[in-house]
């Protein structure tokens, strides 16, 4: 069995939440890690590179929908002449969001925008670019893990009377959650919204398995680097001794569950030291760490999920090939 030496002493205090989920996930059977661990500064940079890959159809397909229908989306969300303020979950670089922000500014002159993300560096870059490119957008970033908001829902600053909140949850990020977790997340969102506020939700749709697999296993290896960067993060933050080259990136299309599954697969039998956790983790050759699911939706599933969370349909848009859909839903 291959043994790994502990990494050098840690330079920063340990994030207890990171330590807890890593200990829980790597002592579980089978082993797993949550996908939010991907998004340190380097992981956020790599994900932005993924969105530009030719195999990764999701971003450009959704961007096309927003470009074609953004003004109609803003008009429907503001039906009756209301002013909008906009919040976005998992905003990242907010690259696609600028289409919607421009449509909102054209409609009402200026708009308040609260991007929410775990990556402070991505939010800062997004704020500077948006304020430079779109006068009239006032950006108030929130560094927060929205997936663990309390039972009162998202604690966003209330707007003036008569102003409606539009929450953006685009990019098919909802697909990273198990179906029951997705429903709970949408219910928590609804708790923090007033009747008449709305949610714009982007979902990826079921399609040919080969097309899906290529999007998560690109020819140039950017997705592989993104997956393995999770191990580099654990080495840095928890003094772990993972050798990323001792693991392979693996993507699987699970047709029965309608999801892409992402794994890190151990190339050899090995024992890895996790110094900050005072833990040694053993891997058999071929053993995996499950790092992500990406659920794909069949017709009607998104509408049902939104209705169960307390939203009523207000509009839906798709691309000509039926690969992706964007749903506007109003809080009842």
C-alpha atoms as a PDB file:
ATOM      1  CA  UNK A   1       0.000   0.000   0.000  1.00  0.00           C
ATOM      2  CA  UNK A   2       1.249   3.464  -0.900  1.00  0.00           C
ATOM      3  CA  UNK A   3       1.772   5.815   2.094  1.00  0.00           C
ATOM      4  CA  UNK A   4       1.691   9.608   1.965  1.00  0.00           C
ATOM      5  CA  UNK A   5       3.507  12.006   4.254  1.00  0.00           C
ATOM      6  CA  UNK A   6       1.724  14.844   6.013  1.00  0.00           C
ATOM      7  CA  UNK A   7       1.755  18.256   4.369  1.00  0.00           C
ATOM      8  CA  UNK A   8       3.645  21.160   5.961  1.00  0.00           C
ATOM      9  CA  UNK A   9       2.216  22.967   8.984  1.00  0.00           C
ATOM     10  CA  UNK A  10      -0.897  25.007   8.313  1.00  0.00           C
ATOM     11  CA  UNK A  11      -0.481  28.738   7.824  1.00  0.00           C
ATOM     12  CA  UNK A  12      -4.109  29.650   8.558  1.00  0.00           C
ATOM     13  CA  UNK A  13      -6.706  28.650  11.176  1.00  0.00           C
ATOM     14  CA  UNK A  14      -8.772  25.595  10.303  1.00  0.00           C
ATOM     15  CA  UNK A  15     -12.281  26.150   8.994  1.00  0.00           C
ATOM     16  CA  UNK A  16     -14.297  23.926  11.311  1.00  0.00           C
ATOM     17  CA  UNK A  17     -17.076  23.412   8.783  1.00  0.00           C
ATOM     18  CA  UNK A  18     -14.597  22.210   6.163  1.00  0.00           C
ATOM     19  CA  UNK A  19     -12.956  19.927   8.727  1.00  0.00           C
ATOM     20  CA  UNK A  20     -16.315  18.487   9.790  1.00  0.00           C
ATOM     21  CA  UNK A  21     -17.616  17.644   6.310  1.00  0.00           C
ATOM     22  CA  UNK A  22     -14.257  16.180   5.245  1.00  0.00           C
ATOM     23  CA  UNK A  23     -14.071  13.953   8.323  1.00  0.00           C
ATOM     24  CA  UNK A  24     -17.656  12.831   7.863  1.00  0.00           C
ATOM     25  CA  UNK A  25     -17.343  12.281   4.122  1.00  0.00           C
ATOM     26  CA  UNK A  26     -14.013  10.444   4.037  1.00  0.00           C
ATOM     27  CA  UNK A  27     -14.956   8.076   6.864  1.00  0.00           C
ATOM     28  CA  UNK A  28     -18.294   7.266   5.199  1.00  0.00           C
ATOM     29  CA  UNK A  29     -18.947   4.220   3.038  1.00  0.00           C
ATOM     30  CA  UNK A  30     -18.844   4.998   0.171  1.00  0.00           C
ATOM     31  CA  UNK A  31     -16.612   8.070   0.510  1.00  0.00           C
ATOM     32  CA  UNK A  32     -18.019  11.451  -0.534  1.00  0.00           C
ATOM     33  CA  UNK A  33     -17.326  15.182  -0.371  1.00  0.00           C
ATOM     34  CA  UNK A  34     -19.820  18.038  -0.927  1.00  0.00           C
ATOM     35  CA  UNK A  35     -19.486  20.021  -4.186  1.00  0.00           C
ATOM     36  CA  UNK A  36     -19.277  23.399  -2.431  1.00  0.00           C
ATOM     37  CA  UNK A  37     -15.692  22.460  -1.571  1.00  0.00           C
ATOM     38  CA  UNK A  38     -14.821  22.978  -5.245  1.00  0.00           C
ATOM     39  CA  UNK A  39     -15.137  26.750  -5.003  1.00  0.00           C
ATOM     40  CA  UNK A  40     -12.011  28.205  -3.513  1.00  0.00           C
ATOM     41  CA  UNK A  41     -10.361  30.938  -5.613  1.00  0.00           C
ATOM     42  CA  UNK A  42      -8.668  28.468  -7.953  1.00  0.00           C
ATOM     43  CA  UNK A  43     -11.776  26.315  -8.225  1.00  0.00           C
ATOM     44  CA  UNK A  44     -13.878  29.348  -9.134  1.00  0.00           C
ATOM     45  CA  UNK A  45     -11.320  30.280 -11.803  1.00  0.00           C
ATOM     46  CA  UNK A  46     -11.357  26.764 -13.231  1.00  0.00           C
ATOM     47  CA  UNK A  47     -15.145  26.662 -13.285  1.00  0.00           C
ATOM     48  CA  UNK A  48     -15.239  29.876 -15.306  1.00  0.00           C
ATOM     49  CA  UNK A  49     -12.851  28.213 -17.746  1.00  0.00           C
ATOM     50  CA  UNK A  50     -15.186  25.199 -17.940  1.00  0.00           C
ATOM     51  CA  UNK A  51     -18.111  27.407 -18.936  1.00  0.00           C
ATOM     52  CA  UNK A  52     -16.198  28.503 -22.055  1.00  0.00           C
ATOM     53  CA  UNK A  53     -15.352  24.969 -23.233  1.00  0.00           C
ATOM     54  CA  UNK A  54     -16.930  23.783 -26.496  1.00  0.00           C
ATOM     55  CA  UNK A  55     -18.243  20.628 -24.785  1.00  0.00           C
ATOM     56  CA  UNK A  56     -19.939  22.587 -21.983  1.00  0.00           C
ATOM     57  CA  UNK A  57     -23.176  23.535 -23.727  1.00  0.00           C
ATOM     58  CA  UNK A  58     -24.983  24.623 -20.537  1.00  0.00           C
ATOM     59  CA  UNK A  59     -23.649  28.165 -20.183  1.00  0.00           C
ATOM     60  CA  UNK A  60     -23.915  29.232 -23.813  1.00  0.00           C
ATOM     61  CA  UNK A  61     -27.372  27.640 -24.172  1.00  0.00           C
ATOM     62  CA  UNK A  62     -28.744  29.406 -21.114  1.00  0.00           C
ATOM     63  CA  UNK A  63     -27.026  32.638 -22.169  1.00  0.00           C
ATOM     64  CA  UNK A  64     -28.858  32.424 -25.484  1.00  0.00           C
ATOM     65  CA  UNK A  65     -32.189  32.064 -23.698  1.00  0.00           C
ATOM     66  CA  UNK A  66     -31.462  35.061 -21.456  1.00  0.00           C
ATOM     67  CA  UNK A  67     -30.268  37.162 -24.389  1.00  0.00           C
ATOM     68  CA  UNK A  68     -33.432  36.431 -26.356  1.00  0.00           C
ATOM     69  CA  UNK A  69     -35.946  36.700 -23.538  1.00  0.00           C
ATOM     70  CA  UNK A  70     -34.345  38.783 -20.753  1.00  0.00           C
ATOM     71  CA  UNK A  71     -36.561  41.852 -21.329  1.00  0.00           C
ATOM     72  CA  UNK A  72     -39.682  39.663 -21.290  1.00  0.00           C
ATOM     73  CA  UNK A  73     -38.518  38.017 -18.063  1.00  0.00           C
ATOM     74  CA  UNK A  74     -38.000  41.400 -16.391  1.00  0.00           C
ATOM     75  CA  UNK A  75     -41.361  42.666 -17.644  1.00  0.00           C
ATOM     76  CA  UNK A  76     -43.178  39.629 -16.290  1.00  0.00           C
ATOM     77  CA  UNK A  77     -41.413  39.784 -12.914  1.00  0.00           C
ATOM     78  CA  UNK A  78     -42.392  43.475 -12.663  1.00  0.00           C
ATOM     79  CA  UNK A  79     -45.959  42.961 -13.941  1.00  0.00           C
ATOM     80  CA  UNK A  80     -48.191  45.830 -12.900  1.00  0.00           C
ATOM     81  CA  UNK A  81     -45.382  48.379 -12.980  1.00  0.00           C
ATOM     82  CA  UNK A  82     -43.463  47.336  -9.844  1.00  0.00           C
ATOM     83  CA  UNK A  83     -39.782  48.142  -9.442  1.00  0.00           C
ATOM     84  CA  UNK A  84     -37.428  45.215  -9.045  1.00  0.00           C
ATOM     85  CA  UNK A  85     -34.400  44.564  -6.908  1.00  0.00           C
ATOM     86  CA  UNK A  86     -32.373  41.509  -7.814  1.00  0.00           C
ATOM     87  CA  UNK A  87     -30.514  38.909  -5.753  1.00  0.00           C
ATOM     88  CA  UNK A  88     -28.594  35.961  -7.183  1.00  0.00           C
ATOM     89  CA  UNK A  89     -27.662  32.669  -5.562  1.00  0.00           C
ATOM     90  CA  UNK A  90     -24.258  31.244  -6.474  1.00  0.00           C
ATOM     91  CA  UNK A  91     -23.499  34.287  -8.582  1.00  0.00           C
ATOM     92  CA  UNK A  92     -19.829  33.545  -9.303  1.00  0.00           C
ATOM     93  CA  UNK A  93     -18.643  35.909 -12.031  1.00  0.00           C
ATOM     94  CA  UNK A  94     -22.260  36.895 -12.881  1.00  0.00           C
ATOM     95  CA  UNK A  95     -21.327  36.685 -16.560  1.00  0.00           C
ATOM     96  CA  UNK A  96     -24.802  35.721 -17.831  1.00  0.00           C
ATOM     97  CA  UNK A  97     -26.516  37.904 -15.247  1.00  0.00           C
ATOM     98  CA  UNK A  98     -25.327  41.071 -16.955  1.00  0.00           C
ATOM     99  CA  UNK A  99     -27.904  40.388 -19.681  1.00  0.00           C
ATOM    100  CA  UNK A 100     -30.686  40.564 -17.111  1.00  0.00           C
ATOM    101  CA  UNK A 101     -29.194  43.545 -15.287  1.00  0.00           C
ATOM    102  CA  UNK A 102     -29.055  45.511 -18.530  1.00  0.00           C
ATOM    103  CA  UNK A 103     -32.695  44.641 -19.196  1.00  0.00           C
ATOM    104  CA  UNK A 104     -33.646  45.786 -15.682  1.00  0.00           C
ATOM    105  CA  UNK A 105     -31.764  49.089 -16.036  1.00  0.00           C
ATOM    106  CA  UNK A 106     -33.377  49.735 -19.422  1.00  0.00           C
ATOM    107  CA  UNK A 107     -36.754  49.149 -17.809  1.00  0.00           C
ATOM    108  CA  UNK A 108     -36.413  51.167 -14.584  1.00  0.00           C
ATOM    109  CA  UNK A 109     -33.260  53.300 -14.827  1.00  0.00           C
ATOM    110  CA  UNK A 110     -31.324  51.666 -11.982  1.00  0.00           C
ATOM    111  CA  UNK A 111     -31.432  48.475  -9.967  1.00  0.00           C
ATOM    112  CA  UNK A 112     -30.055  47.095  -6.712  1.00  0.00           C
ATOM    113  CA  UNK A 113     -28.204  43.813  -7.206  1.00  0.00           C
ATOM    114  CA  UNK A 114     -27.087  41.469  -4.395  1.00  0.00           C
ATOM    115  CA  UNK A 115     -24.900  38.643  -5.726  1.00  0.00           C
ATOM    116  CA  UNK A 116     -24.443  35.805  -3.222  1.00  0.00           C
ATOM    117  CA  UNK A 117     -21.550  33.348  -3.377  1.00  0.00           C
ATOM    118  CA  UNK A 118     -19.010  31.535  -1.209  1.00  0.00           C
ATOM    119  CA  UNK A 119     -16.131  32.974  -3.258  1.00  0.00           C
ATOM    120  CA  UNK A 120     -15.231  36.512  -2.179  1.00  0.00           C
ATOM    121  CA  UNK A 121     -12.746  36.848  -5.031  1.00  0.00           C
ATOM    122  CA  UNK A 122     -15.361  35.969  -7.667  1.00  0.00           C
ATOM    123  CA  UNK A 123     -17.841  38.420  -6.141  1.00  0.00           C
ATOM    124  CA  UNK A 124     -15.298  41.233  -6.050  1.00  0.00           C
ATOM    125  CA  UNK A 125     -14.373  40.683  -9.700  1.00  0.00           C
ATOM    126  CA  UNK A 126     -18.072  40.595 -10.647  1.00  0.00           C
ATOM    127  CA  UNK A 127     -18.816  43.797  -8.716  1.00  0.00           C
ATOM    128  CA  UNK A 128     -16.003  45.733 -10.370  1.00  0.00           C
ATOM    129  CA  UNK A 129     -16.905  44.589 -13.859  1.00  0.00           C
ATOM    130  CA  UNK A 130     -20.663  45.189 -13.485  1.00  0.00           C
ATOM    131  CA  UNK A 131     -20.257  48.661 -12.005  1.00  0.00           C
ATOM    132  CA  UNK A 132     -17.811  49.529 -14.801  1.00  0.00           C
ATOM    133  CA  UNK A 133     -19.938  48.156 -17.653  1.00  0.00           C
ATOM    134  CA  UNK A 134     -23.522  48.850 -16.540  1.00  0.00           C
ATOM    135  CA  UNK A 135     -24.102  52.275 -14.948  1.00  0.00           C
ATOM    136  CA  UNK A 136     -27.243  52.162 -12.887  1.00  0.00           C
ATOM    137  CA  UNK A 137     -26.527  48.833 -11.189  1.00  0.00           C
ATOM    138  CA  UNK A 138     -25.727  49.191  -7.481  1.00  0.00           C
ATOM    139  CA  UNK A 139     -23.916  46.027  -6.368  1.00  0.00           C
ATOM    140  CA  UNK A 140     -23.948  44.840  -2.739  1.00  0.00           C
ATOM    141  CA  UNK A 141     -22.160  41.450  -2.670  1.00  0.00           C
ATOM    142  CA  UNK A 142     -22.885  38.927   0.083  1.00  0.00           C
ATOM    143  CA  UNK A 143     -20.282  36.263   0.886  1.00  0.00           C
ATOM    144  CA  UNK A 144     -22.535  33.507   2.144  1.00  0.00           C
ATOM    145  CA  UNK A 145     -23.325  29.830   1.729  1.00  0.00           C
ATOM    146  CA  UNK A 146     -26.982  30.072   0.776  1.00  0.00           C
ATOM    147  CA  UNK A 147     -27.377  26.281   1.022  1.00  0.00           C
ATOM    148  CA  UNK A 148     -27.175  26.549   4.811  1.00  0.00           C
ATOM    149  CA  UNK A 149     -29.439  29.537   5.426  1.00  0.00           C
ATOM    150  CA  UNK A 150     -31.565  29.233   8.541  1.00  0.00           C
ATOM    151  CA  UNK A 151     -35.242  28.349   8.651  1.00  0.00           C
ATOM    152  CA  UNK A 152     -36.228  32.011   8.164  1.00  0.00           C
ATOM    153  CA  UNK A 153     -34.902  31.877   4.618  1.00  0.00           C
ATOM    154  CA  UNK A 154     -32.359  34.197   3.037  1.00  0.00           C
ATOM    155  CA  UNK A 155     -31.802  37.301   5.130  1.00  0.00           C
ATOM    156  CA  UNK A 156     -31.712  39.941   2.403  1.00  0.00           C
ATOM    157  CA  UNK A 157     -32.203  43.626   3.104  1.00  0.00           C
ATOM    158  CA  UNK A 158     -35.874  44.509   2.515  1.00  0.00           C
ATOM    159  CA  UNK A 159     -36.613  46.960  -0.265  1.00  0.00           C
ATOM    160  CA  UNK A 160     -38.912  49.984  -0.179  1.00  0.00           C
ATOM    161  CA  UNK A 161     -42.643  49.447  -0.149  1.00  0.00           C
ATOM    162  CA  UNK A 162     -43.886  48.428  -3.570  1.00  0.00           C
ATOM    163  CA  UNK A 163     -40.531  47.054  -4.691  1.00  0.00           C
ATOM    164  CA  UNK A 164     -40.373  43.376  -5.600  1.00  0.00           C
ATOM    165  CA  UNK A 165     -37.493  40.984  -5.133  1.00  0.00           C
ATOM    166  CA  UNK A 166     -36.410  38.849  -8.069  1.00  0.00           C
ATOM    167  CA  UNK A 167     -34.134  35.996  -6.976  1.00  0.00           C
ATOM    168  CA  UNK A 168     -31.985  34.498  -9.723  1.00  0.00           C
ATOM    169  CA  UNK A 169     -30.967  30.859  -9.438  1.00  0.00           C
ATOM    170  CA  UNK A 170     -29.629  30.199 -12.897  1.00  0.00           C
ATOM    171  CA  UNK A 171     -26.915  27.942 -14.305  1.00  0.00           C
ATOM    172  CA  UNK A 172     -28.725  24.725 -13.318  1.00  0.00           C
ATOM    173  CA  UNK A 173     -27.084  24.884  -9.880  1.00  0.00           C
ATOM    174  CA  UNK A 174     -30.248  23.361  -8.404  1.00  0.00           C
ATOM    175  CA  UNK A 175     -29.188  20.126 -10.127  1.00  0.00           C
ATOM    176  CA  UNK A 176     -26.280  19.667  -7.701  1.00  0.00           C
ATOM    177  CA  UNK A 177     -28.730  18.791  -4.936  1.00  0.00           C
ATOM    178  CA  UNK A 178     -30.568  15.573  -4.269  1.00  0.00           C
ATOM    179  CA  UNK A 179     -34.285  15.931  -5.157  1.00  0.00           C
ATOM    180  CA  UNK A 180     -35.386  16.171  -1.509  1.00  0.00           C
ATOM    181  CA  UNK A 181     -32.624  18.722  -0.830  1.00  0.00           C
ATOM    182  CA  UNK A 182     -33.731  20.766  -3.848  1.00  0.00           C
ATOM    183  CA  UNK A 183     -37.273  20.931  -2.520  1.00  0.00           C
ATOM    184  CA  UNK A 184     -36.051  21.985   0.935  1.00  0.00           C
ATOM    185  CA  UNK A 185     -33.851  24.690  -0.556  1.00  0.00           C
ATOM    186  CA  UNK A 186     -36.716  26.132  -2.602  1.00  0.00           C
ATOM    187  CA  UNK A 187     -38.969  26.109   0.457  1.00  0.00           C
ATOM    188  CA  UNK A 188     -36.321  28.015   2.431  1.00  0.00           C
ATOM    189  CA  UNK A 189     -36.123  30.542  -0.376  1.00  0.00           C
ATOM    190  CA  UNK A 190     -39.884  30.941  -0.341  1.00  0.00           C
ATOM    191  CA  UNK A 191     -39.842  31.643   3.424  1.00  0.00           C
ATOM    192  CA  UNK A 192     -37.636  34.681   2.823  1.00  0.00           C
ATOM    193  CA  UNK A 193     -39.812  36.092   0.039  1.00  0.00           C
ATOM    194  CA  UNK A 194     -43.021  38.123   0.061  1.00  0.00           C
ATOM    195  CA  UNK A 195     -46.066  37.270  -2.051  1.00  0.00           C
ATOM    196  CA  UNK A 196     -45.426  38.799  -5.476  1.00  0.00           C
ATOM    197  CA  UNK A 197     -41.640  38.328  -5.281  1.00  0.00           C
ATOM    198  CA  UNK A 198     -40.347  35.908  -7.877  1.00  0.00           C
ATOM    199  CA  UNK A 199     -37.681  33.325  -8.618  1.00  0.00           C
ATOM    200  CA  UNK A 200     -35.958  32.773 -11.968  1.00  0.00           C
ATOM    201  CA  UNK A 201     -34.722  29.183 -12.066  1.00  0.00           C
ATOM    202  CA  UNK A 202     -32.514  27.638 -14.765  1.00  0.00           C
ATOM    203  CA  UNK A 203     -32.559  23.846 -15.209  1.00  0.00           C
ATOM    204  CA  UNK A 204     -30.671  21.524 -17.534  1.00  0.00           C
ATOM    205  CA  UNK A 205     -32.836  18.981 -19.342  1.00  0.00           C
ATOM    206  CA  UNK A 206     -32.371  15.264 -20.000  1.00  0.00           C
ATOM    207  CA  UNK A 207     -30.696  14.625 -23.348  1.00  0.00           C
ATOM    208  CA  UNK A 208     -28.317  12.207 -25.091  1.00  0.00           C
ATOM    209  CA  UNK A 209     -25.928  10.590 -22.620  1.00  0.00           C
ATOM    210  CA  UNK A 210     -22.840  11.064 -24.803  1.00  0.00           C
ATOM    211  CA  UNK A 211     -23.504  14.794 -25.043  1.00  0.00           C
ATOM    212  CA  UNK A 212     -23.920  15.003 -21.269  1.00  0.00           C
ATOM    213  CA  UNK A 213     -20.758  13.031 -20.526  1.00  0.00           C
ATOM    214  CA  UNK A 214     -18.644  15.186 -22.828  1.00  0.00           C
ATOM    215  CA  UNK A 215     -19.753  18.302 -20.921  1.00  0.00           C
ATOM    216  CA  UNK A 216     -18.286  16.864 -17.698  1.00  0.00           C
ATOM    217  CA  UNK A 217     -15.163  15.242 -19.149  1.00  0.00           C
ATOM    218  CA  UNK A 218     -13.707  17.673 -21.673  1.00  0.00           C
ATOM    219  CA  UNK A 219     -10.889  16.756 -24.036  1.00  0.00           C
ATOM    220  CA  UNK A 220      -8.453  19.357 -22.646  1.00  0.00           C
ATOM    221  CA  UNK A 221      -8.777  18.221 -19.024  1.00  0.00           C
ATOM    222  CA  UNK A 222     -10.105  21.416 -17.443  1.00  0.00           C
ATOM    223  CA  UNK A 223     -12.916  19.550 -15.683  1.00  0.00           C
ATOM    224  CA  UNK A 224     -10.388  17.022 -14.402  1.00  0.00           C
ATOM    225  CA  UNK A 225      -8.278  19.862 -12.972  1.00  0.00           C
ATOM    226  CA  UNK A 226     -11.402  21.369 -11.374  1.00  0.00           C
ATOM    227  CA  UNK A 227     -12.253  18.062  -9.696  1.00  0.00           C
ATOM    228  CA  UNK A 228      -8.684  17.438  -8.490  1.00  0.00           C
ATOM    229  CA  UNK A 229      -8.344  20.997  -7.187  1.00  0.00           C
ATOM    230  CA  UNK A 230     -10.601  19.881  -4.364  1.00  0.00           C
ATOM    231  CA  UNK A 231      -7.734  17.689  -3.135  1.00  0.00           C
ATOM    232  CA  UNK A 232      -5.285  20.583  -3.419  1.00  0.00           C
ATOM    233  CA  UNK A 233      -7.643  22.651  -1.266  1.00  0.00           C
ATOM    234  CA  UNK A 234      -7.722  19.948   1.422  1.00  0.00           C
ATOM    235  CA  UNK A 235      -3.933  19.744   1.365  1.00  0.00           C
ATOM    236  CA  UNK A 236      -3.684  23.488   1.897  1.00  0.00           C
ATOM    237  CA  UNK A 237      -6.463  23.986   4.440  1.00  0.00           C
ATOM    238  CA  UNK A 238      -6.291  20.752   6.452  1.00  0.00           C
ATOM    239  CA  UNK A 239      -2.663  19.709   6.047  1.00  0.00           C
ATOM    240  CA  UNK A 240      -3.696  16.648   4.035  1.00  0.00           C
ATOM    241  CA  UNK A 241      -1.241  14.690   1.901  1.00  0.00           C
ATOM    242  CA  UNK A 242      -3.277  13.897  -1.190  1.00  0.00           C
ATOM    243  CA  UNK A 243      -1.346  13.352  -4.399  1.00  0.00           C
ATOM    244  CA  UNK A 244      -3.829  14.529  -7.062  1.00  0.00           C
ATOM    245  CA  UNK A 245      -1.988  12.432  -9.658  1.00  0.00           C
ATOM    246  CA  UNK A 246      -2.859   9.329  -7.654  1.00  0.00           C
ATOM    247  CA  UNK A 247      -6.548   9.935  -8.455  1.00  0.00           C
ATOM    248  CA  UNK A 248      -8.410   9.893 -11.757  1.00  0.00           C
ATOM    249  CA  UNK A 249     -11.349  12.084 -12.742  1.00  0.00           C
ATOM    250  CA  UNK A 250     -14.414  10.004 -13.561  1.00  0.00           C
ATOM    251  CA  UNK A 251     -17.802  11.086 -14.942  1.00  0.00           C
ATOM    252  CA  UNK A 252     -20.776   8.691 -15.177  1.00  0.00           C
ATOM    253  CA  UNK A 253     -24.246   9.181 -16.701  1.00  0.00           C
ATOM    254  CA  UNK A 254     -26.811   7.464 -14.439  1.00  0.00           C
ATOM    255  CA  UNK A 255     -29.806   7.284 -16.751  1.00  0.00           C
ATOM    256  CA  UNK A 256     -32.116   5.717 -14.161  1.00  0.00           C
ATOM    257  CA  UNK A 257     -31.558   8.654 -11.775  1.00  0.00           C
ATOM    258  CA  UNK A 258     -31.199  11.211 -14.609  1.00  0.00           C
ATOM    259  CA  UNK A 259     -27.942  12.563 -13.238  1.00  0.00           C
ATOM    260  CA  UNK A 260     -24.276  12.947 -14.058  1.00  0.00           C
ATOM    261  CA  UNK A 261     -22.118  11.592 -11.226  1.00  0.00           C
ATOM    262  CA  UNK A 262     -18.570  12.878 -10.668  1.00  0.00           C
ATOM    263  CA  UNK A 263     -15.915  10.906  -8.801  1.00  0.00           C
ATOM    264  CA  UNK A 264     -12.240  10.927  -7.898  1.00  0.00           C
ATOM    265  CA  UNK A 265     -10.992   7.359  -8.308  1.00  0.00           C
ATOM    266  CA  UNK A 266      -7.884   6.094  -6.536  1.00  0.00           C
ATOM    267  CA  UNK A 267      -5.375   4.741  -9.070  1.00  0.00           C
ATOM    268  CA  UNK A 268      -3.577   2.678  -6.415  1.00  0.00           C
ATOM    269  CA  UNK A 269      -4.090   1.248  -2.945  1.00  0.00           C
ATOM    270  CA  UNK A 270      -2.964   4.042  -0.657  1.00  0.00           C
ATOM    271  CA  UNK A 271      -3.214   5.554   2.801  1.00  0.00           C
ATOM    272  CA  UNK A 272      -3.525   9.347   3.005  1.00  0.00           C
ATOM    273  CA  UNK A 273      -2.665  11.366   6.098  1.00  0.00           C
ATOM    274  CA  UNK A 274      -5.114  14.161   7.080  1.00  0.00           C
ATOM    275  CA  UNK A 275      -2.945  15.968   9.602  1.00  0.00           C
ATOM    276  CA  UNK A 276      -5.428  18.547  10.911  1.00  0.00           C
ATOM    277  CA  UNK A 277      -7.956  15.792  11.584  1.00  0.00           C
ATOM    278  CA  UNK A 278      -5.377  13.387  13.082  1.00  0.00           C
ATOM    279  CA  UNK A 279      -6.741  10.827  10.642  1.00  0.00           C
ATOM    280  CA  UNK A 280      -5.378   8.331   8.130  1.00  0.00           C
ATOM    281  CA  UNK A 281      -7.742   7.387   5.293  1.00  0.00           C
ATOM    282  CA  UNK A 282      -7.209   4.206   3.311  1.00  0.00           C
ATOM    283  CA  UNK A 283      -8.188   3.778  -0.323  1.00  0.00           C
ATOM    284  CA  UNK A 284      -8.343   0.540  -2.250  1.00  0.00           C
ATOM    285  CA  UNK A 285      -7.274   0.638  -5.879  1.00  0.00           C
ATOM    286  CA  UNK A 286     -10.342   1.788  -7.825  1.00  0.00           C
ATOM    287  CA  UNK A 287     -12.126   3.167  -4.740  1.00  0.00           C
ATOM    288  CA  UNK A 288     -13.879   6.477  -5.316  1.00  0.00           C
ATOM    289  CA  UNK A 289     -14.766   9.743  -3.631  1.00  0.00           C
ATOM    290  CA  UNK A 290     -18.152  10.960  -4.900  1.00  0.00           C
ATOM    291  CA  UNK A 291     -17.732  14.721  -5.369  1.00  0.00           C
ATOM    292  CA  UNK A 292     -20.801  15.880  -7.307  1.00  0.00           C
ATOM    293  CA  UNK A 293     -24.146  15.016  -8.841  1.00  0.00           C
ATOM    294  CA  UNK A 294     -25.751  17.067 -11.603  1.00  0.00           C
ATOM    295  CA  UNK A 295     -29.418  16.184 -12.027  1.00  0.00           C
ATOM    296  CA  UNK A 296     -31.124  16.707 -15.363  1.00  0.00           C
ATOM    297  CA  UNK A 297     -34.837  17.422 -15.512  1.00  0.00           C
ATOM    298  CA  UNK A 298     -37.624  15.882 -17.537  1.00  0.00           C
ATOM    299  CA  UNK A 299     -40.588  17.948 -18.800  1.00  0.00           C
ATOM    300  CA  UNK A 300     -42.818  19.082 -15.946  1.00  0.00           C
ATOM    301  CA  UNK A 301     -40.408  18.236 -13.117  1.00  0.00           C
ATOM    302  CA  UNK A 302     -39.234  21.793 -12.481  1.00  0.00           C
ATOM    303  CA  UNK A 303     -42.815  23.120 -12.483  1.00  0.00           C
ATOM    304  CA  UNK A 304     -43.882  20.462  -9.964  1.00  0.00           C
ATOM    305  CA  UNK A 305     -40.915  21.167  -7.698  1.00  0.00           C
ATOM    306  CA  UNK A 306     -41.629  24.913  -7.714  1.00  0.00           C
ATOM    307  CA  UNK A 307     -45.336  24.405  -6.986  1.00  0.00           C
ATOM    308  CA  UNK A 308     -44.530  22.150  -4.024  1.00  0.00           C
ATOM    309  CA  UNK A 309     -42.327  24.930  -2.616  1.00  0.00           C
ATOM    310  CA  UNK A 310     -45.083  27.564  -2.753  1.00  0.00           C
ATOM    311  CA  UNK A 311     -44.529  29.181  -6.151  1.00  0.00           C
ATOM    312  CA  UNK A 312     -46.932  29.554  -9.056  1.00  0.00           C
ATOM    313  CA  UNK A 313     -45.762  29.574 -12.696  1.00  0.00           C
ATOM    314  CA  UNK A 314     -45.285  32.991 -14.318  1.00  0.00           C
ATOM    315  CA  UNK A 315     -43.343  32.095 -17.458  1.00  0.00           C
ATOM    316  CA  UNK A 316     -41.017  29.542 -19.036  1.00  0.00           C
ATOM    317  CA  UNK A 317     -38.475  29.802 -21.867  1.00  0.00           C
ATOM    318  CA  UNK A 318     -36.304  27.228 -23.628  1.00  0.00           C
ATOM    319  CA  UNK A 319     -33.860  26.951 -26.525  1.00  0.00           C
ATOM    320  CA  UNK A 320     -34.883  25.596 -29.921  1.00  0.00           C
ATOM    321  CA  UNK A 321     -33.293  22.191 -29.236  1.00  0.00           C
ATOM    322  CA  UNK A 322     -34.977  21.769 -25.868  1.00  0.00           C
ATOM    323  CA  UNK A 323     -31.679  21.331 -24.032  1.00  0.00           C
ATOM    324  CA  UNK A 324     -32.245  23.874 -21.234  1.00  0.00           C
ATOM    325  CA  UNK A 325     -35.156  25.791 -19.708  1.00  0.00           C
ATOM    326  CA  UNK A 326     -35.593  28.886 -17.563  1.00  0.00           C
ATOM    327  CA  UNK A 327     -38.650  29.214 -15.315  1.00  0.00           C
ATOM    328  CA  UNK A 328     -40.115  32.324 -13.700  1.00  0.00           C
ATOM    329  CA  UNK A 329     -42.190  31.498 -10.635  1.00  0.00           C
ATOM    330  CA  UNK A 330     -44.031  33.895  -8.321  1.00  0.00           C
ATOM    331  CA  UNK A 331     -44.227  33.484  -4.566  1.00  0.00           C
ATOM    332  CA  UNK A 332     -47.814  32.812  -3.563  1.00  0.00           C
END
